[in-house]
N, C-alpha and C. Protein backbone atom coordinates (compact mmCIF):
# COMPACT_ATOMS: atom_id res chain seq x y z
N MET A 1 2.49 -0.17 17.62
CA MET A 1 2.78 1.21 17.96
C MET A 1 1.45 1.92 18.18
N GLU A 2 1.45 2.88 19.08
CA GLU A 2 0.23 3.64 19.34
C GLU A 2 0.26 4.98 18.63
N ALA A 3 -0.93 5.50 18.38
CA ALA A 3 -1.07 6.76 17.66
C ALA A 3 -2.29 7.50 18.19
N ARG A 4 -2.32 8.78 17.94
CA ARG A 4 -3.49 9.60 18.21
C ARG A 4 -4.07 9.94 16.84
N ILE A 5 -5.36 9.67 16.64
CA ILE A 5 -5.97 9.99 15.36
C ILE A 5 -7.20 10.87 15.55
N HIS A 6 -7.49 11.62 14.50
CA HIS A 6 -8.68 12.46 14.45
C HIS A 6 -9.46 12.04 13.21
N TRP A 7 -10.71 11.60 13.43
CA TRP A 7 -11.59 11.24 12.33
C TRP A 7 -12.28 12.49 11.82
N PHE A 8 -12.42 12.60 10.51
CA PHE A 8 -13.17 13.71 9.93
C PHE A 8 -14.65 13.36 9.88
N ARG A 9 -15.48 14.32 10.24
CA ARG A 9 -16.93 14.15 10.16
C ARG A 9 -17.35 14.16 8.68
N TRP A 10 -18.56 13.66 8.44
CA TRP A 10 -19.10 13.59 7.09
C TRP A 10 -19.08 14.97 6.42
N ASP A 11 -19.45 16.02 7.15
CA ASP A 11 -19.49 17.36 6.56
C ASP A 11 -18.09 17.92 6.30
N GLN A 12 -17.06 17.21 6.75
CA GLN A 12 -15.66 17.60 6.47
C GLN A 12 -15.06 16.69 5.41
N GLY A 13 -15.88 15.83 4.82
CA GLY A 13 -15.41 14.92 3.79
C GLY A 13 -15.07 13.53 4.29
N GLY A 14 -15.30 13.28 5.59
CA GLY A 14 -14.96 11.99 6.18
C GLY A 14 -16.08 10.97 6.06
N ARG A 15 -16.11 10.06 7.00
CA ARG A 15 -17.07 8.97 7.01
C ARG A 15 -18.43 9.39 7.55
N VAL A 16 -19.49 8.68 7.13
CA VAL A 16 -20.82 8.90 7.68
C VAL A 16 -20.86 8.44 9.13
N THR A 17 -20.30 7.26 9.39
CA THR A 17 -20.20 6.72 10.75
C THR A 17 -18.76 6.29 11.00
N LEU A 18 -18.34 6.34 12.24
CA LEU A 18 -16.99 5.93 12.58
C LEU A 18 -16.89 4.41 12.57
N PRO A 19 -15.75 3.87 12.15
CA PRO A 19 -15.59 2.42 12.19
C PRO A 19 -15.47 1.95 13.64
N ALA A 20 -15.80 0.70 13.89
CA ALA A 20 -15.70 0.17 15.25
C ALA A 20 -14.24 0.03 15.67
N CYS A 21 -13.39 -0.38 14.75
CA CYS A 21 -11.96 -0.60 15.04
C CYS A 21 -11.77 -1.57 16.21
N GLU A 22 -12.65 -2.55 16.27
CA GLU A 22 -12.60 -3.58 17.30
C GLU A 22 -12.99 -4.90 16.66
N GLY A 23 -12.49 -5.99 17.21
CA GLY A 23 -12.92 -7.31 16.77
C GLY A 23 -12.30 -7.76 15.46
N ASP A 24 -12.98 -8.74 14.86
CA ASP A 24 -12.47 -9.37 13.65
C ASP A 24 -13.56 -9.36 12.60
N PRO A 25 -13.35 -8.96 11.39
CA PRO A 25 -12.06 -8.56 10.85
C PRO A 25 -11.67 -7.17 11.34
N PRO A 26 -10.38 -6.88 11.38
CA PRO A 26 -9.94 -5.57 11.84
C PRO A 26 -10.20 -4.50 10.79
N TYR A 27 -10.28 -3.26 11.25
CA TYR A 27 -10.38 -2.13 10.32
C TYR A 27 -9.00 -1.88 9.75
N ALA A 28 -8.89 -1.83 8.45
CA ALA A 28 -7.63 -1.54 7.78
C ALA A 28 -7.91 -0.67 6.57
N THR A 29 -7.06 0.30 6.33
CA THR A 29 -7.22 1.18 5.18
C THR A 29 -5.86 1.71 4.75
N VAL A 30 -5.82 2.37 3.62
CA VAL A 30 -4.58 2.88 3.04
C VAL A 30 -4.01 4.01 3.91
N VAL A 31 -2.70 3.96 4.13
CA VAL A 31 -2.02 5.00 4.89
C VAL A 31 -1.13 5.81 3.93
N ARG A 32 -1.11 7.12 4.16
CA ARG A 32 -0.19 8.01 3.43
C ARG A 32 0.53 8.83 4.49
N PHE A 33 1.86 8.77 4.48
CA PHE A 33 2.64 9.54 5.45
C PHE A 33 2.85 10.95 4.93
N LYS A 34 2.64 11.92 5.81
CA LYS A 34 2.88 13.32 5.45
C LYS A 34 4.37 13.55 5.33
N ASN A 35 4.74 14.57 4.61
CA ASN A 35 6.14 14.94 4.40
C ASN A 35 6.95 13.83 3.77
N SER A 36 6.30 12.99 2.99
CA SER A 36 7.00 11.95 2.25
C SER A 36 7.39 12.52 0.90
N ASN A 37 8.54 12.13 0.44
CA ASN A 37 8.99 12.61 -0.87
C ASN A 37 8.43 11.78 -2.02
N GLU A 38 7.67 10.73 -1.69
CA GLU A 38 7.10 9.89 -2.74
C GLU A 38 5.94 10.60 -3.43
N PRO A 39 5.83 10.42 -4.74
CA PRO A 39 4.66 10.97 -5.44
C PRO A 39 3.42 10.19 -5.01
N TRP A 40 2.26 10.83 -5.14
CA TRP A 40 1.02 10.13 -4.80
C TRP A 40 0.18 9.97 -6.05
N PRO A 41 -0.34 8.83 -6.31
CA PRO A 41 -0.17 7.60 -5.54
C PRO A 41 1.18 6.96 -5.81
N PRO A 42 1.76 6.33 -4.80
CA PRO A 42 3.04 5.65 -5.00
C PRO A 42 2.84 4.36 -5.78
N SER A 43 3.91 3.75 -6.20
CA SER A 43 3.81 2.50 -6.95
C SER A 43 3.27 1.37 -6.06
N VAL A 44 3.53 1.43 -4.76
CA VAL A 44 3.04 0.43 -3.81
C VAL A 44 2.37 1.19 -2.66
N VAL A 45 1.14 0.80 -2.32
CA VAL A 45 0.46 1.40 -1.17
C VAL A 45 0.32 0.34 -0.09
N TRP A 46 0.30 0.80 1.16
CA TRP A 46 0.21 -0.11 2.30
C TRP A 46 -1.02 0.21 3.11
N SER A 47 -1.59 -0.84 3.72
CA SER A 47 -2.75 -0.68 4.58
C SER A 47 -2.32 -0.74 6.03
N LEU A 48 -2.92 0.13 6.82
CA LEU A 48 -2.66 0.19 8.24
C LEU A 48 -3.87 -0.37 8.98
N VAL A 49 -3.63 -1.27 9.92
CA VAL A 49 -4.69 -1.79 10.78
C VAL A 49 -4.80 -0.85 11.97
N VAL A 50 -6.02 -0.46 12.30
CA VAL A 50 -6.27 0.48 13.39
C VAL A 50 -7.16 -0.21 14.43
N GLU A 51 -6.66 -0.27 15.66
CA GLU A 51 -7.40 -0.87 16.77
C GLU A 51 -7.66 0.22 17.82
N LYS A 52 -8.91 0.49 18.10
CA LYS A 52 -9.29 1.52 19.06
C LYS A 52 -8.92 1.11 20.47
N LEU A 53 -8.20 1.98 21.19
CA LEU A 53 -7.87 1.75 22.59
C LEU A 53 -8.77 2.57 23.50
N ARG A 54 -8.93 3.86 23.17
CA ARG A 54 -9.82 4.72 23.96
C ARG A 54 -10.09 6.02 23.22
N VAL A 55 -11.18 6.68 23.64
CA VAL A 55 -11.53 7.99 23.11
C VAL A 55 -10.67 9.02 23.82
N PHE A 56 -10.23 10.04 23.09
CA PHE A 56 -9.35 11.06 23.61
C PHE A 56 -9.92 12.42 23.23
N GLU A 57 -10.41 13.18 24.15
CA GLU A 57 -10.96 14.53 23.99
C GLU A 57 -12.36 14.56 23.41
N SER A 58 -12.65 13.87 22.30
CA SER A 58 -13.99 13.87 21.73
C SER A 58 -14.22 12.54 21.03
N GLU A 59 -15.46 12.30 20.60
CA GLU A 59 -15.75 11.03 19.93
C GLU A 59 -14.97 10.87 18.63
N TYR A 60 -14.41 11.94 18.10
CA TYR A 60 -13.65 11.89 16.85
C TYR A 60 -12.14 11.82 17.07
N ASP A 61 -11.71 11.84 18.31
CA ASP A 61 -10.28 11.79 18.64
C ASP A 61 -10.01 10.55 19.48
N TRP A 62 -9.15 9.68 18.97
CA TRP A 62 -8.89 8.40 19.61
C TRP A 62 -7.40 8.16 19.82
N ILE A 63 -7.11 7.35 20.80
CA ILE A 63 -5.79 6.71 20.94
C ILE A 63 -5.99 5.30 20.39
N VAL A 64 -5.12 4.91 19.48
CA VAL A 64 -5.26 3.63 18.80
C VAL A 64 -3.93 2.88 18.76
N ARG A 65 -4.01 1.61 18.49
CA ARG A 65 -2.82 0.81 18.19
C ARG A 65 -2.84 0.59 16.69
N VAL A 66 -1.69 0.81 16.04
CA VAL A 66 -1.60 0.63 14.59
C VAL A 66 -0.48 -0.34 14.25
N ARG A 67 -0.68 -1.01 13.14
CA ARG A 67 0.34 -1.89 12.57
C ARG A 67 0.01 -2.05 11.10
N TYR A 68 1.00 -2.43 10.34
CA TYR A 68 0.72 -2.72 8.95
C TYR A 68 -0.08 -4.00 8.83
N GLN A 69 -0.89 -4.07 7.80
CA GLN A 69 -1.72 -5.25 7.58
C GLN A 69 -0.89 -6.44 7.11
N PHE A 70 0.23 -6.17 6.44
CA PHE A 70 1.03 -7.24 5.87
C PHE A 70 2.43 -7.25 6.47
N PRO A 71 2.97 -8.42 6.78
CA PRO A 71 4.27 -8.49 7.46
C PRO A 71 5.45 -7.98 6.64
N ASN A 72 5.33 -7.94 5.32
CA ASN A 72 6.45 -7.46 4.51
C ASN A 72 6.42 -5.95 4.28
N ALA A 73 5.52 -5.24 4.94
CA ALA A 73 5.42 -3.78 4.82
C ALA A 73 6.64 -3.13 5.47
N PRO A 74 6.95 -1.89 5.06
CA PRO A 74 8.14 -1.20 5.59
C PRO A 74 7.92 -0.67 7.01
N SER A 75 8.00 -1.55 8.00
CA SER A 75 7.72 -1.16 9.38
C SER A 75 8.67 -0.09 9.90
N CYS A 76 9.80 0.11 9.25
CA CYS A 76 10.73 1.17 9.66
C CYS A 76 10.10 2.55 9.51
N GLU A 77 9.03 2.66 8.73
CA GLU A 77 8.34 3.95 8.58
C GLU A 77 7.49 4.31 9.80
N LEU A 78 7.21 3.34 10.65
CA LEU A 78 6.39 3.59 11.84
C LEU A 78 7.29 4.12 12.95
N GLN A 79 7.57 5.41 12.89
CA GLN A 79 8.46 6.08 13.84
C GLN A 79 7.68 7.12 14.63
N PRO A 80 7.93 7.24 15.94
CA PRO A 80 7.25 8.25 16.75
C PRO A 80 7.39 9.65 16.14
N GLY A 81 6.30 10.39 16.20
CA GLY A 81 6.28 11.75 15.68
C GLY A 81 5.88 11.84 14.22
N ARG A 82 5.83 10.73 13.53
CA ARG A 82 5.49 10.73 12.11
C ARG A 82 3.99 10.95 11.94
N GLU A 83 3.63 11.90 11.10
CA GLU A 83 2.23 12.21 10.84
C GLU A 83 1.75 11.43 9.63
N PHE A 84 0.47 11.04 9.65
CA PHE A 84 -0.07 10.25 8.56
C PHE A 84 -1.53 10.58 8.31
N GLU A 85 -2.02 10.10 7.18
CA GLU A 85 -3.42 10.25 6.81
C GLU A 85 -3.97 8.86 6.48
N LEU A 86 -5.24 8.65 6.78
CA LEU A 86 -5.92 7.42 6.42
C LEU A 86 -6.90 7.73 5.30
N LEU A 87 -6.86 6.92 4.26
CA LEU A 87 -7.70 7.14 3.08
C LEU A 87 -8.56 5.93 2.79
N GLU A 88 -9.79 6.20 2.38
CA GLU A 88 -10.69 5.17 1.88
C GLU A 88 -11.02 5.57 0.46
N GLY A 89 -10.44 4.85 -0.50
CA GLY A 89 -10.54 5.28 -1.89
C GLY A 89 -9.80 6.61 -1.99
N GLY A 90 -10.41 7.61 -2.57
CA GLY A 90 -9.80 8.93 -2.64
C GLY A 90 -10.18 9.84 -1.49
N ARG A 91 -10.93 9.33 -0.52
CA ARG A 91 -11.44 10.15 0.57
C ARG A 91 -10.51 10.11 1.77
N LEU A 92 -10.12 11.29 2.25
CA LEU A 92 -9.33 11.42 3.47
C LEU A 92 -10.29 11.31 4.65
N VAL A 93 -10.15 10.23 5.45
CA VAL A 93 -11.10 10.00 6.53
C VAL A 93 -10.54 10.32 7.91
N ALA A 94 -9.21 10.33 8.05
CA ALA A 94 -8.60 10.61 9.35
C ALA A 94 -7.16 11.04 9.16
N GLU A 95 -6.65 11.72 10.18
CA GLU A 95 -5.22 12.04 10.21
C GLU A 95 -4.71 11.71 11.60
N GLY A 96 -3.42 11.45 11.69
CA GLY A 96 -2.90 11.06 12.99
C GLY A 96 -1.42 11.30 13.13
N ILE A 97 -0.92 10.95 14.31
CA ILE A 97 0.50 11.06 14.61
C ILE A 97 0.89 9.85 15.46
N LEU A 98 2.02 9.26 15.12
CA LEU A 98 2.53 8.13 15.87
C LEU A 98 3.14 8.64 17.17
N LEU A 99 2.86 7.97 18.27
CA LEU A 99 3.24 8.46 19.59
C LEU A 99 4.52 7.82 20.13
N GLU A 100 5.22 8.60 20.94
CA GLU A 100 6.33 8.08 21.73
C GLU A 100 5.72 7.17 22.78
N PRO A 101 6.41 6.14 23.22
CA PRO A 101 5.83 5.24 24.23
C PRO A 101 5.30 5.95 25.48
N GLN A 102 5.97 6.97 26.01
CA GLN A 102 5.50 7.64 27.21
C GLN A 102 4.25 8.46 26.96
N GLU A 103 3.96 8.85 25.71
CA GLU A 103 2.76 9.62 25.39
C GLU A 103 1.52 8.74 25.38
N CYS A 104 1.69 7.46 25.27
CA CYS A 104 0.57 6.54 25.10
C CYS A 104 -0.35 6.50 26.32
N ASN A 105 0.16 6.83 27.46
CA ASN A 105 -0.64 6.76 28.69
C ASN A 105 -1.40 8.03 29.00
N ARG A 106 -1.28 9.05 28.18
CA ARG A 106 -1.97 10.32 28.44
C ARG A 106 -3.43 10.23 28.10
């Protein structure tokens, strides 16, 4: 599934440098879905693999392909329009939204 993400700059609490999100090993980090009724941290956390497709608007805004790192993850949660956050440890490094297929070409 494709998504639009915005990386936070270091002065906003994000990363010092942006990950490559290309090649092997892939970039993967903990995902937290917004508007979830689950308490944080949940009893089980899942990692999302992020693959950069292209830059969108600025160097901090990307169109990416995402998938869960593990096949037994709840893939039903990857629904268009769903907003999410990417975390590294306790640090919020990016936020994004899952795209409808027709939005992916914009």
